[in-house]
Every structure is written in C-alpha cells, then in structure tokens.
Amino acid sequence: MIDQAQALEQAQLDRALAGRRRPGAADLTPRDCLGCGEPIPAPRLALVPGAMRCTPCQRRYEATHAQP
C-alpha cells in the first residue's frame, strides 16, 4: 500500500516538474536564449549577432563560469 502511494506521489511530482523544466537545446531556435529559452531581444542581437543568451542570462553565466 505504501509503495503504491509513493509511486503515485512520485508520478505526480514528475508531471509537475516536467512542466517547469527549461526547454532542451533541441526545442530552441537560433534566436532563443540558452539560459531561459525566451527569444533574445533584437537590440542585443543587433549589437552581438552571435549572442547565445539574453543579457541577464549572459551575466549570470559569466558570474558562475568565471575563469580564475
């Protein structure tokens, strides 16, 4: 009985989390941010044509992946 309840609870949790996950790289277009999945604003793409992240995500990426 407990195993069934745990399995049901886990399945519900998995479904809830699946809706909150970031899109995978295969789901993104070349103009979508790798960090948040939202479209990269046109002004950023005009300044940095090869941008892979929006400005806020790029700042977070650089802060967490800084070279020593």
PDB file of N, CA and C in Angstrom:
ATOM      1  N   MET A   1       0.822  -1.189   0.000  1.00  0.00           N
ATOM      2  CA  MET A   1       0.000   0.000   0.000  1.00  0.00           C
ATOM      3  C   MET A   1       0.873   1.263   0.000  1.00  0.00           C
ATOM      4  N   ILE A   2       1.899   1.265   0.834  1.00  0.00           N
ATOM      5  CA  ILE A   2       2.780   2.430   0.904  1.00  0.00           C
ATOM      6  C   ILE A   2       3.535   2.604  -0.406  1.00  0.00           C
ATOM      7  N   ASP A   3       3.981   1.502  -1.005  1.00  0.00           N
ATOM      8  CA  ASP A   3       4.697   1.582  -2.280  1.00  0.00           C
ATOM      9  C   ASP A   3       3.829   2.196  -3.369  1.00  0.00           C
ATOM     10  N   GLN A   4       2.544   1.847  -3.399  1.00  0.00           N
ATOM     11  CA  GLN A   4       1.632   2.408  -4.396  1.00  0.00           C
ATOM     12  C   GLN A   4       1.457   3.906  -4.173  1.00  0.00           C
ATOM     13  N   ALA A   5       1.339   4.309  -2.919  1.00  0.00           N
ATOM     14  CA  ALA A   5       1.183   5.727  -2.603  1.00  0.00           C
ATOM     15  C   ALA A   5       2.435   6.501  -2.997  1.00  0.00           C
ATOM     16  N   GLN A   6       3.603   5.919  -2.727  1.00  0.00           N
ATOM     17  CA  GLN A   6       4.850   6.579  -3.109  1.00  0.00           C
ATOM     18  C   GLN A   6       4.970   6.688  -4.621  1.00  0.00           C
ATOM     19  N   ALA A   7       4.588   5.637  -5.327  1.00  0.00           N
ATOM     20  CA  ALA A   7       4.659   5.657  -6.790  1.00  0.00           C
ATOM     21  C   ALA A   7       3.723   6.712  -7.358  1.00  0.00           C
ATOM     22  N   LEU A   8       2.514   6.810  -6.803  1.00  0.00           N
ATOM     23  CA  LEU A   8       1.559   7.821  -7.264  1.00  0.00           C
ATOM     24  C   LEU A   8       2.088   9.228  -6.982  1.00  0.00           C
ATOM     25  N   GLU A   9       2.608   9.424  -5.786  1.00  0.00           N
ATOM     26  CA  GLU A   9       3.155  10.732  -5.426  1.00  0.00           C
ATOM     27  C   GLU A   9       4.332  11.106  -6.331  1.00  0.00           C
ATOM     28  N   GLN A  10       5.210  10.149  -6.612  1.00  0.00           N
ATOM     29  CA  GLN A  10       6.358  10.412  -7.484  1.00  0.00           C
ATOM     30  C   GLN A  10       5.900  10.747  -8.894  1.00  0.00           C
ATOM     31  N   ALA A  11       4.904  10.040  -9.399  1.00  0.00           N
ATOM     32  CA  ALA A  11       4.389  10.313 -10.743  1.00  0.00           C
ATOM     33  C   ALA A  11       3.803  11.717 -10.820  1.00  0.00           C
ATOM     34  N   GLN A  12       3.078  12.125  -9.782  1.00  0.00           N
ATOM     35  CA  GLN A  12       2.509  13.474  -9.759  1.00  0.00           C
ATOM     36  C   GLN A  12       3.618  14.521  -9.709  1.00  0.00           C
ATOM     37  N   LEU A  13       4.625  14.272  -8.912  1.00  0.00           N
ATOM     38  CA  LEU A  13       5.755  15.194  -8.814  1.00  0.00           C
ATOM     39  C   LEU A  13       6.494  15.291 -10.144  1.00  0.00           C
ATOM     40  N   ASP A  14       6.722  14.150 -10.785  1.00  0.00           N
ATOM     41  CA  ASP A  14       7.403  14.142 -12.082  1.00  0.00           C
ATOM     42  C   ASP A  14       6.630  14.945 -13.121  1.00  0.00           C
ATOM     43  N   ARG A  15       5.301  14.786 -13.140  1.00  0.00           N
ATOM     44  CA  ARG A  15       4.485  15.550 -14.099  1.00  0.00           C
ATOM     45  C   ARG A  15       4.565  17.047 -13.812  1.00  0.00           C
ATOM     46  N   ALA A  16       4.511  17.411 -12.543  1.00  0.00           N
ATOM     47  CA  ALA A  16       4.578  18.827 -12.180  1.00  0.00           C
ATOM     48  C   ALA A  16       5.925  19.425 -12.566  1.00  0.00           C
ATOM     49  N   LEU A  17       6.997  18.695 -12.309  1.00  0.00           N
ATOM     50  CA  LEU A  17       8.331  19.207 -12.631  1.00  0.00           C
ATOM     51  C   LEU A  17       8.576  19.251 -14.130  1.00  0.00           C
ATOM     52  N   ALA A  18       8.003  18.333 -14.871  1.00  0.00           N
ATOM     53  CA  ALA A  18       8.196  18.316 -16.325  1.00  0.00           C
ATOM     54  C   ALA A  18       7.694  19.607 -16.949  1.00  0.00           C
ATOM     55  N   GLY A  19       6.655  20.191 -16.393  1.00  0.00           N
ATOM     56  CA  GLY A  19       6.128  21.448 -16.914  1.00  0.00           C
ATOM     57  C   GLY A  19       6.981  22.646 -16.564  1.00  0.00           C
ATOM     58  N   ARG A  20       7.891  22.500 -15.624  1.00  0.00           N
ATOM     59  CA  ARG A  20       8.713  23.626 -15.184  1.00  0.00           C
ATOM     60  C   ARG A  20      10.123  23.587 -15.722  1.00  0.00           C
ATOM     61  N   ARG A  21      10.503  22.520 -16.375  1.00  0.00           N
ATOM     62  CA  ARG A  21      11.875  22.406 -16.877  1.00  0.00           C
ATOM     63  C   ARG A  21      12.122  23.382 -18.009  1.00  0.00           C
ATOM     64  N   ARG A  22      13.364  23.815 -18.108  1.00  0.00           N
ATOM     65  CA  ARG A  22      13.772  24.662 -19.230  1.00  0.00           C
ATOM     66  C   ARG A  22      13.664  23.858 -20.506  1.00  0.00           C
ATOM     67  N   PRO A  23      13.430  24.537 -21.599  1.00  0.00           N
ATOM     68  CA  PRO A  23      13.407  23.796 -22.863  1.00  0.00           C
ATOM     69  C   PRO A  23      14.786  23.233 -23.164  1.00  0.00           C
ATOM     70  N   GLY A  24      14.820  22.104 -23.814  1.00  0.00           N
ATOM     71  CA  GLY A  24      16.075  21.494 -24.224  1.00  0.00           C
ATOM     72  C   GLY A  24      16.638  22.221 -25.425  1.00  0.00           C
ATOM     73  N   ALA A  25      17.901  22.028 -25.698  1.00  0.00           N
ATOM     74  CA  ALA A  25      18.542  22.697 -26.828  1.00  0.00           C
ATOM     75  C   ALA A  25      17.830  22.375 -28.135  1.00  0.00           C
ATOM     76  N   ALA A  26      17.266  21.177 -28.246  1.00  0.00           N
ATOM     77  CA  ALA A  26      16.567  20.799 -29.479  1.00  0.00           C
ATOM     78  C   ALA A  26      15.280  21.596 -29.663  1.00  0.00           C
ATOM     79  N   ASP A  27      14.731  22.146 -28.570  1.00  0.00           N
ATOM     80  CA  ASP A  27      13.488  22.909 -28.640  1.00  0.00           C
ATOM     81  C   ASP A  27      13.714  24.374 -28.984  1.00  0.00           C
ATOM     82  N   LEU A  28      14.948  24.833 -28.956  1.00  0.00           N
ATOM     83  CA  LEU A  28      15.248  26.248 -29.143  1.00  0.00           C
ATOM     84  C   LEU A  28      15.514  26.581 -30.601  1.00  0.00           C
ATOM     85  N   THR A  29      15.167  27.815 -30.971  1.00  0.00           N
ATOM     86  CA  THR A  29      15.545  28.314 -32.286  1.00  0.00           C
ATOM     87  C   THR A  29      16.874  29.047 -32.112  1.00  0.00           C
ATOM     88  N   PRO A  30      17.565  29.389 -33.205  1.00  0.00           N
ATOM     89  CA  PRO A  30      18.846  30.096 -33.069  1.00  0.00           C
ATOM     90  C   PRO A  30      18.721  31.449 -32.370  1.00  0.00           C
ATOM     91  N   ARG A  31      17.537  32.000 -32.295  1.00  0.00           N
ATOM     92  CA  ARG A  31      17.356  33.299 -31.645  1.00  0.00           C
ATOM     93  C   ARG A  31      16.827  33.181 -30.220  1.00  0.00           C
ATOM     94  N   ASP A  32      16.751  31.958 -29.686  1.00  0.00           N
ATOM     95  CA  ASP A  32      16.295  31.744 -28.318  1.00  0.00           C
ATOM     96  C   ASP A  32      17.493  31.645 -27.381  1.00  0.00           C
ATOM     97  N   CYS A  33      17.322  32.187 -26.185  1.00  0.00           N
ATOM     98  CA  CYS A  33      18.368  32.183 -25.165  1.00  0.00           C
ATOM     99  C   CYS A  33      18.600  30.766 -24.647  1.00  0.00           C
ATOM    100  N   LEU A  34      19.868  30.369 -24.540  1.00  0.00           N
ATOM    101  CA  LEU A  34      20.207  29.060 -23.982  1.00  0.00           C
ATOM    102  C   LEU A  34      19.930  28.995 -22.485  1.00  0.00           C
ATOM    103  N   GLY A  35      19.862  30.150 -21.830  1.00  0.00           N
ATOM    104  CA  GLY A  35      19.641  30.170 -20.391  1.00  0.00           C
ATOM    105  C   GLY A  35      18.193  30.035 -19.994  1.00  0.00           C
ATOM    106  N   CYS A  36      17.334  30.867 -20.577  1.00  0.00           N
ATOM    107  CA  CYS A  36      15.932  30.893 -20.162  1.00  0.00           C
ATOM    108  C   CYS A  36      14.974  30.385 -21.229  1.00  0.00           C
ATOM    109  N   GLY A  37      15.450  30.256 -22.464  1.00  0.00           N
ATOM    110  CA  GLY A  37      14.596  29.769 -23.537  1.00  0.00           C
ATOM    111  C   GLY A  37      13.742  30.825 -24.198  1.00  0.00           C
ATOM    112  N   GLU A  38      13.772  32.037 -23.688  1.00  0.00           N
ATOM    113  CA  GLU A  38      12.991  33.128 -24.274  1.00  0.00           C
ATOM    114  C   GLU A  38      13.729  33.694 -25.485  1.00  0.00           C
ATOM    115  N   PRO A  39      13.007  34.357 -26.388  1.00  0.00           N
ATOM    116  CA  PRO A  39      13.684  34.978 -27.535  1.00  0.00           C
ATOM    117  C   PRO A  39      14.690  36.043 -27.076  1.00  0.00           C
ATOM    118  N   ILE A  40      15.842  36.070 -27.713  1.00  0.00           N
ATOM    119  CA  ILE A  40      16.852  37.091 -27.413  1.00  0.00           C
ATOM    120  C   ILE A  40      16.366  38.391 -28.046  1.00  0.00           C
ATOM    121  N   PRO A  41      16.322  39.489 -27.288  1.00  0.00           N
ATOM    122  CA  PRO A  41      15.832  40.756 -27.830  1.00  0.00           C
ATOM    123  C   PRO A  41      16.633  41.212 -29.056  1.00  0.00           C
ATOM    124  N   ALA A  42      15.921  41.796 -30.010  1.00  0.00           N
ATOM    125  CA  ALA A  42      16.534  42.257 -31.259  1.00  0.00           C
ATOM    126  C   ALA A  42      17.684  43.233 -31.028  1.00  0.00           C
ATOM    127  N   PRO A  43      17.567  44.195 -30.087  1.00  0.00           N
ATOM    128  CA  PRO A  43      18.699  45.107 -29.876  1.00  0.00           C
ATOM    129  C   PRO A  43      19.977  44.373 -29.456  1.00  0.00           C
ATOM    130  N   ARG A  44      19.837  43.323 -28.655  1.00  0.00           N
ATOM    131  CA  ARG A  44      21.032  42.547 -28.266  1.00  0.00           C
ATOM    132  C   ARG A  44      21.607  41.834 -29.477  1.00  0.00           C
ATOM    133  N   LEU A  45      20.759  41.243 -30.299  1.00  0.00           N
ATOM    134  CA  LEU A  45      21.250  40.556 -31.494  1.00  0.00           C
ATOM    135  C   LEU A  45      21.876  41.530 -32.482  1.00  0.00           C
ATOM    136  N   ALA A  46      21.388  42.772 -32.498  1.00  0.00           N
ATOM    137  CA  ALA A  46      21.981  43.775 -33.385  1.00  0.00           C
ATOM    138  C   ALA A  46      23.401  44.117 -32.929  1.00  0.00           C
ATOM    139  N   LEU A  47      23.605  44.182 -31.609  1.00  0.00           N
ATOM    140  CA  LEU A  47      24.928  44.509 -31.070  1.00  0.00           C
ATOM    141  C   LEU A  47      25.857  43.303 -31.042  1.00  0.00           C
ATOM    142  N   VAL A  48      25.293  42.133 -30.751  1.00  0.00           N
ATOM    143  CA  VAL A  48      26.079  40.900 -30.660  1.00  0.00           C
ATOM    144  C   VAL A  48      25.365  39.847 -31.510  1.00  0.00           C
ATOM    145  N   PRO A  49      25.603  39.848 -32.819  1.00  0.00           N
ATOM    146  CA  PRO A  49      24.851  38.957 -33.712  1.00  0.00           C
ATOM    147  C   PRO A  49      24.939  37.473 -33.356  1.00  0.00           C
ATOM    148  N   GLY A  50      26.015  37.048 -32.770  1.00  0.00           N
ATOM    149  CA  GLY A  50      26.163  35.639 -32.413  1.00  0.00           C
ATOM    150  C   GLY A  50      25.754  35.320 -30.985  1.00  0.00           C
ATOM    151  N   ALA A  51      25.042  36.240 -30.333  1.00  0.00           N
ATOM    152  CA  ALA A  51      24.658  36.036 -28.933  1.00  0.00           C
ATOM    153  C   ALA A  51      23.864  34.747 -28.771  1.00  0.00           C
ATOM    154  N   MET A  52      24.215  34.002 -27.738  1.00  0.00           N
ATOM    155  CA  MET A  52      23.517  32.746 -27.456  1.00  0.00           C
ATOM    156  C   MET A  52      22.625  32.863 -26.227  1.00  0.00           C
ATOM    157  N   ARG A  53      22.760  33.990 -25.499  1.00  0.00           N
ATOM    158  CA  ARG A  53      21.966  34.220 -24.292  1.00  0.00           C
ATOM    159  C   ARG A  53      21.504  35.669 -24.257  1.00  0.00           C
ATOM    160  N   CYS A  54      20.367  35.902 -23.598  1.00  0.00           N
ATOM    161  CA  CYS A  54      19.928  37.275 -23.367  1.00  0.00           C
ATOM    162  C   CYS A  54      20.904  37.903 -22.365  1.00  0.00           C
ATOM    163  N   THR A  55      20.854  39.204 -22.212  1.00  0.00           N
ATOM    164  CA  THR A  55      21.814  39.895 -21.351  1.00  0.00           C
ATOM    165  C   THR A  55      21.775  39.395 -19.904  1.00  0.00           C
ATOM    166  N   PRO A  56      20.599  39.283 -19.258  1.00  0.00           N
ATOM    167  CA  PRO A  56      20.605  38.793 -17.871  1.00  0.00           C
ATOM    168  C   PRO A  56      21.188  37.381 -17.737  1.00  0.00           C
ATOM    169  N   CYS A  57      20.841  36.495 -18.657  1.00  0.00           N
ATOM    170  CA  CYS A  57      21.374  35.126 -18.591  1.00  0.00           C
ATOM    171  C   CYS A  57      22.869  35.105 -18.868  1.00  0.00           C
ATOM    172  N   GLN A  58      23.339  35.967 -19.773  1.00  0.00           N
ATOM    173  CA  GLN A  58      24.772  36.031 -20.061  1.00  0.00           C
ATOM    174  C   GLN A  58      25.537  36.511 -18.836  1.00  0.00           C
ATOM    175  N   ARG A  59      24.983  37.493 -18.128  1.00  0.00           N
ATOM    176  CA  ARG A  59      25.638  37.982 -16.904  1.00  0.00           C
ATOM    177  C   ARG A  59      25.715  36.876 -15.858  1.00  0.00           C
ATOM    178  N   ARG A  60      24.603  36.136 -15.673  1.00  0.00           N
ATOM    179  CA  ARG A  60      24.611  35.026 -14.712  1.00  0.00           C
ATOM    180  C   ARG A  60      25.614  33.960 -15.137  1.00  0.00           C
ATOM    181  N   TYR A  61      25.648  33.658 -16.426  1.00  0.00           N
ATOM    182  CA  TYR A  61      26.579  32.648 -16.933  1.00  0.00           C
ATOM    183  C   TYR A  61      28.021  33.064 -16.656  1.00  0.00           C
ATOM    184  N   GLU A  62      28.354  34.315 -16.960  1.00  0.00           N
ATOM    185  CA  GLU A  62      29.724  34.792 -16.740  1.00  0.00           C
ATOM    186  C   GLU A  62      30.081  34.809 -15.260  1.00  0.00           C
ATOM    187  N   ALA A  63      29.111  35.123 -14.399  1.00  0.00           N
ATOM    188  CA  ALA A  63      29.380  35.161 -12.960  1.00  0.00           C
ATOM    189  C   ALA A  63      29.640  33.762 -12.403  1.00  0.00           C
ATOM    190  N   THR A  64      28.975  32.760 -12.957  1.00  0.00           N
ATOM    191  CA  THR A  64      29.133  31.403 -12.432  1.00  0.00           C
ATOM    192  C   THR A  64      30.199  30.596 -13.162  1.00  0.00           C
ATOM    193  N   HIS A  65      30.651  31.077 -14.304  1.00  0.00           N
ATOM    194  CA  HIS A  65      31.665  30.356 -15.081  1.00  0.00           C
ATOM    195  C   HIS A  65      32.929  31.199 -15.274  1.00  0.00           C
ATOM    196  N   ALA A  66      33.190  32.082 -14.322  1.00  0.00           N
ATOM    197  CA  ALA A  66      34.353  32.965 -14.424  1.00  0.00           C
ATOM    198  C   ALA A  66      35.644  32.154 -14.373  1.00  0.00           C
ATOM    199  N   GLN A  67      36.583  32.534 -15.203  1.00  0.00           N
ATOM    200  CA  GLN A  67      37.898  31.894 -15.211  1.00  0.00           C
ATOM    201  C   GLN A  67      38.741  32.503 -14.095  1.00  0.00           C
ATOM    202  N   PRO A  68      39.451  31.674 -13.327  1.00  0.00           N
ATOM    203  CA  PRO A  68      40.284  32.210 -12.222  1.00  0.00           C
ATOM    204  C   PRO A  68      41.476  32.979 -12.733  1.00  0.00           C
TER     205      PRO A  68
END
